[in-house]
Amino acid sequence: MTNSVSADDQKMKALFKEAIVEVMEENQDLVSSLLVEALEDIGLSHAIEEGENSESVSREEVFKVLRGE
């Protein structure tokens, strides 16, 4: 009985993998957008953490840098 359960588990796992691959292939734009958004969120999170651990600067100093002064 254990072997049949294990075989069923393997079949189910293979079916899930196949379904996931099919969904990813059929929705490449969506998958790509989700990955880009996730990477942007990770980057923003790292930037926020870095900003929390650095010294503060004035608003004017920020705008000077943005203006290229």
C-alpha atoms as a PDB file:
ATOM      1  CA  MET A   1       0.000   0.000   0.000  1.00  0.00           C
ATOM      2  CA  THR A   2       2.861   2.380   0.765  1.00  0.00           C
ATOM      3  CA  ASN A   3       4.268   1.912  -2.721  1.00  0.00           C
ATOM      4  CA  SER A   4       0.948   2.827  -4.360  1.00  0.00           C
ATOM      5  CA  VAL A   5       0.682   5.962  -2.227  1.00  0.00           C
ATOM      6  CA  SER A   6       4.228   6.864  -3.105  1.00  0.00           C
ATOM      7  CA  ALA A   7       3.536   6.218  -6.789  1.00  0.00           C
ATOM      8  CA  ASP A   8       0.400   8.358  -6.573  1.00  0.00           C
ATOM      9  CA  ASP A   9       2.413  11.102  -4.875  1.00  0.00           C
ATOM     10  CA  GLN A  10       4.998  10.971  -7.654  1.00  0.00           C
ATOM     11  CA  LYS A  11       2.282  11.156 -10.322  1.00  0.00           C
ATOM     12  CA  MET A  12       0.644  14.101  -8.553  1.00  0.00           C
ATOM     13  CA  LYS A  13       3.983  15.866  -8.231  1.00  0.00           C
ATOM     14  CA  ALA A  14       4.688  15.355 -11.939  1.00  0.00           C
ATOM     15  CA  LEU A  15       1.226  16.674 -12.846  1.00  0.00           C
ATOM     16  CA  PHE A  16       1.709  19.778 -10.697  1.00  0.00           C
ATOM     17  CA  LYS A  17       5.098  20.445 -12.278  1.00  0.00           C
ATOM     18  CA  GLU A  18       3.629  20.042 -15.744  1.00  0.00           C
ATOM     19  CA  ALA A  19       0.733  22.362 -14.913  1.00  0.00           C
ATOM     20  CA  ILE A  20       3.038  25.023 -13.470  1.00  0.00           C
ATOM     21  CA  VAL A  21       5.304  24.912 -16.526  1.00  0.00           C
ATOM     22  CA  GLU A  22       2.275  25.163 -18.812  1.00  0.00           C
ATOM     23  CA  VAL A  23       0.886  28.165 -16.930  1.00  0.00           C
ATOM     24  CA  MET A  24       4.277  29.876 -17.017  1.00  0.00           C
ATOM     25  CA  GLU A  25       4.641  29.262 -20.753  1.00  0.00           C
ATOM     26  CA  GLU A  26       1.137  30.506 -21.526  1.00  0.00           C
ATOM     27  CA  ASN A  27       1.472  33.590 -19.306  1.00  0.00           C
ATOM     28  CA  GLN A  28       5.072  34.656 -19.871  1.00  0.00           C
ATOM     29  CA  ASP A  29       4.213  38.364 -19.722  1.00  0.00           C
ATOM     30  CA  LEU A  30       2.445  37.963 -16.393  1.00  0.00           C
ATOM     31  CA  VAL A  31       5.236  35.842 -14.924  1.00  0.00           C
ATOM     32  CA  SER A  32       7.819  38.337 -16.161  1.00  0.00           C
ATOM     33  CA  SER A  33       5.895  41.259 -14.652  1.00  0.00           C
ATOM     34  CA  LEU A  34       5.568  39.454 -11.322  1.00  0.00           C
ATOM     35  CA  LEU A  35       9.296  38.704 -11.223  1.00  0.00           C
ATOM     36  CA  VAL A  36      10.207  42.296 -12.095  1.00  0.00           C
ATOM     37  CA  GLU A  37       7.866  43.607  -9.406  1.00  0.00           C
ATOM     38  CA  ALA A  38       9.300  41.203  -6.827  1.00  0.00           C
ATOM     39  CA  LEU A  39      12.870  42.246  -7.688  1.00  0.00           C
ATOM     40  CA  GLU A  40      11.917  45.931  -7.471  1.00  0.00           C
ATOM     41  CA  ASP A  41      10.346  45.329  -4.053  1.00  0.00           C
ATOM     42  CA  ILE A  42      13.508  43.572  -2.868  1.00  0.00           C
ATOM     43  CA  GLY A  43      15.645  46.435  -4.172  1.00  0.00           C
ATOM     44  CA  LEU A  44      13.433  49.021  -2.482  1.00  0.00           C
ATOM     45  CA  SER A  45      13.569  47.067   0.760  1.00  0.00           C
ATOM     46  CA  HIS A  46      17.375  47.008   0.634  1.00  0.00           C
ATOM     47  CA  ALA A  47      17.480  50.737  -0.145  1.00  0.00           C
ATOM     48  CA  ILE A  48      15.207  51.500   2.816  1.00  0.00           C
ATOM     49  CA  GLU A  49      17.360  49.389   5.146  1.00  0.00           C
ATOM     50  CA  GLU A  50      20.505  51.096   3.880  1.00  0.00           C
ATOM     51  CA  GLY A  51      18.883  54.501   4.343  1.00  0.00           C
ATOM     52  CA  GLU A  52      17.894  53.668   7.901  1.00  0.00           C
ATOM     53  CA  ASN A  53      21.516  52.842   8.695  1.00  0.00           C
ATOM     54  CA  SER A  54      23.070  55.957   7.148  1.00  0.00           C
ATOM     55  CA  GLU A  55      23.244  59.510   8.390  1.00  0.00           C
ATOM     56  CA  SER A  56      20.501  61.973   7.543  1.00  0.00           C
ATOM     57  CA  VAL A  57      20.937  64.814   5.071  1.00  0.00           C
ATOM     58  CA  SER A  58      18.861  67.902   4.496  1.00  0.00           C
ATOM     59  CA  ARG A  59      16.217  68.179   1.823  1.00  0.00           C
ATOM     60  CA  GLU A  60      18.289  70.848   0.096  1.00  0.00           C
ATOM     61  CA  GLU A  61      21.303  68.526  -0.106  1.00  0.00           C
ATOM     62  CA  VAL A  62      19.153  65.902  -1.794  1.00  0.00           C
ATOM     63  CA  PHE A  63      17.881  68.390  -4.374  1.00  0.00           C
ATOM     64  CA  LYS A  64      21.410  69.643  -5.056  1.00  0.00           C
ATOM     65  CA  VAL A  65      22.435  66.112  -5.943  1.00  0.00           C
ATOM     66  CA  LEU A  66      19.340  65.645  -8.115  1.00  0.00           C
ATOM     67  CA  ARG A  67      20.073  68.911  -9.951  1.00  0.00           C
ATOM     68  CA  GLY A  68      23.684  67.826 -10.483  1.00  0.00           C
ATOM     69  CA  GLU A  69      25.209  70.608  -8.411  1.00  0.00           C
END
